[in-house]
Amino acid sequence: MMKQIVPVLCLTALASACSGSGSGSSSTSTSGSGSSSGSSSSSSSSSSSGGSSGATVYCNGSMLMNGGGTFFVATYPKSDDIRTGCAATFAGLTDGGANAFGDVSGILDVDSYGDAGSSAFVYTVYPSGCEDLGTGSAPVIPNAYATDGGGVSVATAVSGQSTVPLMWGVITFISAPYTTTSTGAQHSGTAYIQDITGGAGSGVSIYFPKASAPAANGGAAPGAVGYPMAGLHRGDVVGVTNVKWSPYLGQKQFEFQATSAIIPLGTSPLPASVNVTDAQIAPGATVPANVGMRVTVSGPNTVSDACPLILQSH
């Protein structure tokens, strides 16, 4: 997913953490990097001078302690399901406290937001729904699709690393592109799609440039911008046409183009989550086969740094 940064005020309690002085932070140093604006969720930020003198620091993730090891959880972008269903629980990852969670689940991918970028492959877990943080139950989604639409699997599309005429799978994470009603400003978004049956290499992100955002007032005809006016939801089985292979800072990614479109094919329960250990997704670990896929890190898990240096950007 393309780097998308929108500054918001960082809590006072996070002043030291946002400047990179939080305990347990990875030792990798950061450097300034460019960014593209527009997002359907915001990263935390601070005007602290830590890390880059006088620069605003953006907090894109948290570090959690798991027994004797640590792993990282992305707090940006925030999924639509979490934003509307359990924002208070999610805030436990960012408020600077040593907050405890049970199992933590989500999409495993390489961080593309921190200044470390592709120079340090930092694996992060992107929670996609409230149940990923132990709040509520997983959505009950009917198995109601009848065809693959003639498309290739996600795994096949990823292995080909080129523009794909048509691939199909189930949506596992969505932070939708949107248009601000008052200003008409468009914002980009991100989705993850995975093969229903799972398997190595069967998940990947799709980046939606801001030009793909539907009109805020619904004025655009359905399909006029490719992204469906009815939106996307976890469990939607879709065909995705003419997406371009566009890796970004170490992250495997397809990019939605002006000629791309979403074809609804039905619904499916989410693919089973794969259990991973903190050691398997530690910085510098061998690239796991389940990048882009749903994973779970068994608990208990405790927040040890709400803004680790390696996930900061400026």
Protein backbone atom coordinates (compact mmCIF):
# COMPACT_ATOMS: atom_id res chain seq x y z
CA MET A 1 0.00 0.00 0.00
CA MET A 2 1.26 3.46 -0.80
CA LYS A 3 2.45 5.57 2.10
CA GLN A 4 -0.49 7.67 3.26
CA ILE A 5 -0.01 10.13 6.12
CA VAL A 6 -2.49 12.52 7.69
CA PRO A 7 -1.27 14.22 10.89
CA VAL A 8 -3.37 14.22 14.07
CA LEU A 9 -2.36 15.41 17.52
CA CYS A 10 -0.45 12.87 19.61
CA LEU A 11 -1.51 12.45 23.22
CA THR A 12 0.71 14.19 25.78
CA ALA A 13 1.39 10.83 27.42
CA LEU A 14 2.97 9.72 24.16
CA ALA A 15 5.49 12.56 23.93
CA SER A 16 8.49 10.39 24.77
CA ALA A 17 7.23 7.38 22.83
CA CYS A 18 6.60 9.44 19.73
CA SER A 19 10.10 10.87 19.92
CA GLY A 20 11.52 7.38 19.81
CA SER A 21 12.50 7.06 23.48
CA GLY A 22 9.99 4.38 24.36
CA SER A 23 11.54 1.34 25.96
CA GLY A 24 11.93 -1.76 23.90
CA SER A 25 12.17 0.14 20.63
CA SER A 26 13.99 -1.51 17.77
CA SER A 27 17.54 -0.25 17.35
CA THR A 28 17.14 0.58 13.65
CA SER A 29 17.57 4.30 13.06
CA THR A 30 15.30 6.28 10.77
CA SER A 31 15.70 8.90 8.09
CA GLY A 32 13.29 11.34 6.54
CA SER A 33 11.11 10.13 3.68
CA GLY A 34 8.53 11.50 1.33
CA SER A 35 4.84 10.79 1.64
CA SER A 36 1.69 10.90 -0.40
CA SER A 37 -1.39 12.49 1.09
CA GLY A 38 -4.85 11.02 1.36
CA SER A 39 -6.10 8.22 3.55
CA SER A 40 -9.19 6.73 5.08
CA SER A 41 -7.56 6.70 8.51
CA SER A 42 -4.94 8.72 10.35
CA SER A 43 -1.62 7.97 11.97
CA SER A 44 -0.79 9.51 15.33
CA SER A 45 1.71 12.36 15.27
CA SER A 46 3.70 14.64 17.49
CA SER A 47 5.65 17.85 17.06
CA SER A 48 8.47 16.37 19.10
CA SER A 49 11.95 16.89 17.73
CA GLY A 50 13.06 13.30 18.42
CA GLY A 51 14.29 11.23 15.50
CA SER A 52 14.39 14.15 13.06
CA SER A 53 15.18 17.60 14.44
CA GLY A 54 12.13 19.85 14.42
CA ALA A 55 10.08 17.43 12.32
CA THR A 56 6.64 16.08 13.05
CA VAL A 57 6.82 12.43 14.06
CA TYR A 58 4.13 10.07 12.78
CA CYS A 59 3.38 6.92 14.76
CA ASN A 60 2.37 4.12 12.41
CA GLY A 61 2.42 1.11 14.73
CA SER A 62 3.03 -0.33 18.18
CA MET A 63 5.35 -2.98 19.56
CA LEU A 64 3.85 -5.77 21.63
CA MET A 65 5.59 -8.10 24.06
CA ASN A 66 4.85 -11.78 23.65
CA GLY A 67 6.54 -13.84 26.35
CA GLY A 68 10.23 -13.19 25.83
CA GLY A 69 9.86 -11.78 22.32
CA THR A 70 8.26 -8.83 20.56
CA PHE A 71 6.33 -8.15 17.37
CA PHE A 72 4.73 -5.15 15.71
CA VAL A 73 1.08 -4.25 15.14
CA ALA A 74 0.10 -1.58 12.62
CA THR A 75 -2.09 1.20 13.95
CA TYR A 76 -2.26 2.85 10.54
CA PRO A 77 -4.17 2.42 8.36
CA LYS A 78 -7.11 1.59 10.59
CA SER A 79 -9.68 -0.72 9.00
CA ASP A 80 -13.25 0.48 8.45
CA ASP A 81 -14.54 -2.37 10.66
CA ILE A 82 -12.41 -1.25 13.61
CA ARG A 83 -13.08 2.45 13.13
CA THR A 84 -16.83 1.92 13.33
CA GLY A 85 -16.93 -1.00 15.77
CA CYS A 86 -14.23 -0.89 18.44
CA ALA A 87 -12.18 2.28 18.23
CA ALA A 88 -11.83 2.37 22.03
CA THR A 89 -10.27 -1.09 22.12
CA PHE A 90 -7.96 -0.15 19.27
CA ALA A 91 -6.86 2.93 21.21
CA GLY A 92 -5.26 0.57 23.71
CA LEU A 93 -2.51 0.08 21.13
CA THR A 94 -1.75 3.79 20.91
CA ASP A 95 -2.39 5.47 24.27
CA GLY A 96 1.03 4.78 25.73
CA GLY A 97 -0.08 2.35 28.42
CA ALA A 98 1.13 -1.22 28.91
CA ASN A 99 -2.24 -2.53 27.78
CA ALA A 100 -2.82 -6.27 27.61
CA PHE A 101 -4.47 -8.25 24.82
CA GLY A 102 -5.09 -11.93 24.32
CA ASP A 103 -4.50 -13.37 20.86
CA VAL A 104 -3.82 -10.68 18.27
CA SER A 105 -4.80 -11.36 14.66
CA GLY A 106 -4.84 -9.53 11.37
CA ILE A 107 -3.08 -9.35 8.02
CA LEU A 108 0.67 -9.93 8.04
CA ASP A 109 2.65 -7.60 5.81
CA VAL A 110 5.80 -5.53 5.55
CA ASP A 111 5.57 -2.04 7.03
CA SER A 112 5.59 0.59 4.28
CA TYR A 113 5.04 3.63 6.50
CA GLY A 114 8.01 3.89 8.85
CA ASP A 115 11.13 5.62 7.58
CA ALA A 116 12.99 2.31 7.76
CA GLY A 117 11.06 1.31 4.64
CA SER A 118 12.51 -1.52 2.61
CA SER A 119 15.92 -1.08 4.26
CA ALA A 120 14.60 -3.11 7.18
CA PHE A 121 11.80 -5.57 6.51
CA VAL A 122 9.61 -4.92 9.50
CA TYR A 123 6.69 -7.34 9.59
CA THR A 124 3.53 -5.90 11.06
CA VAL A 125 0.11 -7.35 11.82
CA TYR A 126 -2.74 -5.20 10.50
CA PRO A 127 -5.89 -5.90 12.59
CA SER A 128 -8.84 -6.10 10.22
CA GLY A 129 -11.79 -6.43 12.60
CA CYS A 130 -12.74 -6.11 16.26
CA GLU A 131 -12.40 -9.85 16.88
CA ASP A 132 -8.74 -9.55 15.89
CA LEU A 133 -8.23 -7.63 19.14
CA GLY A 134 -10.43 -9.88 21.26
CA THR A 135 -13.58 -7.73 21.09
CA GLY A 136 -16.76 -9.37 19.89
CA SER A 137 -17.12 -12.36 17.61
CA ALA A 138 -15.93 -12.95 14.10
CA PRO A 139 -18.51 -11.97 11.50
CA VAL A 140 -20.81 -14.74 10.33
CA ILE A 141 -20.53 -14.57 6.55
CA PRO A 142 -22.51 -16.94 4.34
CA ASN A 143 -20.79 -19.11 1.77
CA ALA A 144 -22.72 -17.72 -1.16
CA TYR A 145 -20.63 -17.42 -4.29
CA ALA A 146 -21.14 -19.54 -7.37
CA THR A 147 -18.23 -18.72 -9.67
CA ASP A 148 -14.69 -17.41 -9.79
CA GLY A 149 -15.66 -15.15 -12.67
CA GLY A 150 -13.00 -16.72 -14.84
CA GLY A 151 -10.16 -15.03 -13.00
CA VAL A 152 -6.83 -16.37 -11.74
CA SER A 153 -6.19 -17.00 -8.06
CA VAL A 154 -4.47 -14.41 -5.88
CA ALA A 155 -1.46 -16.72 -5.50
CA THR A 156 -1.14 -16.97 -9.29
CA ALA A 157 -1.46 -13.22 -9.69
CA VAL A 158 1.20 -12.54 -7.05
CA SER A 159 3.63 -15.01 -8.56
CA GLY A 160 3.21 -13.40 -11.99
CA GLN A 161 4.12 -9.91 -10.72
CA SER A 162 2.53 -8.09 -13.63
CA THR A 163 -0.73 -6.44 -14.60
CA VAL A 164 -3.58 -8.92 -14.13
CA PRO A 165 -6.62 -8.91 -16.45
CA LEU A 166 -8.76 -10.58 -13.76
CA MET A 167 -8.04 -12.14 -10.37
CA TRP A 168 -10.51 -13.21 -7.75
CA GLY A 169 -10.62 -13.83 -4.03
CA VAL A 170 -12.22 -12.73 -0.76
CA ILE A 171 -11.74 -9.33 0.86
CA THR A 172 -10.05 -9.70 4.26
CA PHE A 173 -9.28 -6.05 5.11
CA ILE A 174 -10.74 -2.80 3.90
CA SER A 175 -9.87 0.83 4.50
CA ALA A 176 -11.96 2.34 1.74
CA PRO A 177 -11.12 5.30 -0.48
CA TYR A 178 -13.52 8.13 0.23
CA THR A 179 -14.41 11.71 -0.59
CA THR A 180 -14.80 14.42 2.07
CA THR A 181 -18.31 15.81 1.73
CA SER A 182 -17.53 19.38 2.76
CA THR A 183 -14.50 19.91 0.54
CA GLY A 184 -14.77 17.30 -2.18
CA ALA A 185 -11.23 16.15 -1.38
CA GLN A 186 -10.58 12.55 -2.38
CA HIS A 187 -8.62 10.10 -0.23
CA SER A 188 -6.90 6.85 -1.11
CA GLY A 189 -7.57 3.45 0.45
CA THR A 190 -6.31 -0.08 0.87
CA ALA A 191 -7.83 -3.55 0.70
CA TYR A 192 -6.40 -7.03 1.16
CA ILE A 193 -7.64 -9.92 -0.92
CA GLN A 194 -6.87 -13.60 -0.30
CA ASP A 195 -7.65 -16.94 -1.87
CA ILE A 196 -10.58 -18.49 -0.03
CA THR A 197 -8.72 -21.76 0.51
CA GLY A 198 -5.55 -20.06 1.75
CA GLY A 199 -2.11 -21.47 1.03
CA ALA A 200 1.34 -19.92 0.68
CA GLY A 201 1.44 -16.60 -1.12
CA SER A 202 -2.35 -16.38 -1.34
CA GLY A 203 -2.87 -12.84 -0.05
CA VAL A 204 -1.92 -9.37 -1.26
CA SER A 205 -2.84 -5.71 -0.85
CA ILE A 206 -4.63 -3.55 -3.40
CA TYR A 207 -3.92 0.17 -3.28
CA PHE A 208 -6.76 2.46 -4.34
CA PRO A 209 -5.44 5.88 -5.46
CA LYS A 210 -7.57 8.81 -4.37
CA ALA A 211 -8.94 9.18 -7.91
CA SER A 212 -10.82 5.90 -7.35
CA ALA A 213 -12.86 7.34 -4.46
CA PRO A 214 -16.62 7.49 -5.13
CA ALA A 215 -18.33 10.87 -4.95
CA ALA A 216 -19.36 11.77 -1.40
CA ASN A 217 -22.95 12.46 -2.39
CA GLY A 218 -23.30 9.36 -4.52
CA GLY A 219 -23.44 11.49 -7.64
CA ALA A 220 -21.12 9.28 -9.65
CA ALA A 221 -22.78 6.43 -11.46
CA PRO A 222 -21.97 2.96 -10.05
CA GLY A 223 -18.76 1.77 -11.61
CA ALA A 224 -17.86 5.21 -12.95
CA VAL A 225 -14.68 5.22 -10.85
CA GLY A 226 -14.28 1.44 -10.65
CA TYR A 227 -14.64 1.23 -6.89
CA PRO A 228 -18.20 0.01 -6.14
CA MET A 229 -20.58 2.68 -4.89
CA ALA A 230 -21.98 0.13 -2.43
CA GLY A 231 -18.50 -0.24 -0.95
CA LEU A 232 -16.50 -3.34 -0.04
CA HIS A 233 -16.77 -5.44 3.09
CA ARG A 234 -14.82 -8.28 4.60
CA GLY A 235 -16.13 -11.53 3.22
CA ASP A 236 -17.04 -10.09 -0.17
CA VAL A 237 -15.93 -12.40 -2.96
CA VAL A 238 -14.89 -10.26 -5.89
CA GLY A 239 -13.18 -10.27 -9.23
CA VAL A 240 -10.68 -7.44 -9.70
CA THR A 241 -9.81 -6.40 -13.24
CA ASN A 242 -6.72 -4.80 -14.75
CA VAL A 243 -4.76 -4.11 -11.56
CA LYS A 244 -1.09 -3.21 -11.97
CA TRP A 245 1.75 -4.90 -10.06
CA SER A 246 3.18 -2.03 -8.01
CA PRO A 247 5.34 -3.11 -5.03
CA TYR A 248 6.07 -0.33 -2.55
CA LEU A 249 8.93 -0.20 -0.02
CA GLY A 250 9.21 -3.96 0.18
CA GLN A 251 5.47 -4.55 0.25
CA LYS A 252 3.84 -6.68 -2.45
CA GLN A 253 0.98 -4.69 -3.89
CA PHE A 254 -1.36 -4.27 -6.83
CA GLU A 255 -2.56 -0.82 -7.76
CA PHE A 256 -6.09 -0.04 -8.91
CA GLN A 257 -6.03 1.83 -12.22
CA ALA A 258 -8.47 4.06 -14.08
CA THR A 259 -9.42 1.03 -16.17
CA SER A 260 -9.76 -1.33 -13.18
CA ALA A 261 -13.07 -2.48 -11.76
CA ILE A 262 -14.53 -4.60 -8.94
CA ILE A 263 -16.94 -7.39 -9.94
CA PRO A 264 -19.10 -8.70 -7.06
CA LEU A 265 -19.27 -12.51 -7.06
CA GLY A 266 -20.90 -13.25 -3.69
CA THR A 267 -19.65 -13.81 -0.14
CA SER A 268 -17.53 -16.30 1.76
CA PRO A 269 -16.38 -16.89 5.35
CA LEU A 270 -12.91 -15.46 5.89
CA PRO A 271 -9.98 -17.81 5.27
CA ALA A 272 -8.64 -19.56 8.35
CA SER A 273 -5.97 -17.61 10.22
CA VAL A 274 -2.43 -19.04 10.30
CA ASN A 275 -0.66 -19.16 13.67
CA VAL A 276 2.74 -17.44 13.72
CA THR A 277 5.25 -16.78 16.50
CA ASP A 278 6.95 -13.49 17.31
CA ALA A 279 10.26 -15.00 16.13
CA GLN A 280 8.79 -15.78 12.70
CA ILE A 281 7.79 -12.15 12.13
CA ALA A 282 10.67 -10.37 13.89
CA PRO A 283 12.67 -7.70 11.99
CA GLY A 284 15.08 -9.37 9.60
CA ALA A 285 13.31 -12.73 9.72
CA THR A 286 13.12 -14.81 6.57
CA VAL A 287 10.16 -13.66 4.48
CA PRO A 288 7.19 -15.72 5.71
CA ALA A 289 5.09 -17.48 3.08
CA ASN A 290 1.96 -16.02 4.67
CA VAL A 291 2.70 -12.34 4.01
CA GLY A 292 -0.56 -10.70 2.90
CA MET A 293 -2.58 -13.40 4.66
CA ARG A 294 -4.58 -13.66 7.88
CA VAL A 295 -2.41 -14.63 10.86
CA THR A 296 -2.67 -14.92 14.65
CA VAL A 297 -0.05 -14.37 17.37
CA SER A 298 -1.21 -16.26 20.45
CA GLY A 299 -1.48 -14.30 23.69
CA PRO A 300 -1.04 -12.91 26.17
CA ASN A 301 0.33 -9.87 24.36
CA THR A 302 1.17 -6.57 26.05
CA VAL A 303 1.94 -3.19 24.52
CA SER A 304 5.56 -2.35 25.30
CA ASP A 305 6.03 0.68 23.02
CA ALA A 306 3.18 2.67 21.50
CA CYS A 307 5.44 4.33 18.93
CA PRO A 308 8.64 2.35 18.28
CA LEU A 309 11.35 4.17 16.38
CA ILE A 310 11.36 1.69 13.51
CA LEU A 311 7.68 2.47 12.73
CA GLN A 312 8.02 6.23 12.91
CA SER A 313 7.99 8.52 9.92
CA HIS A 314 8.53 12.23 9.55
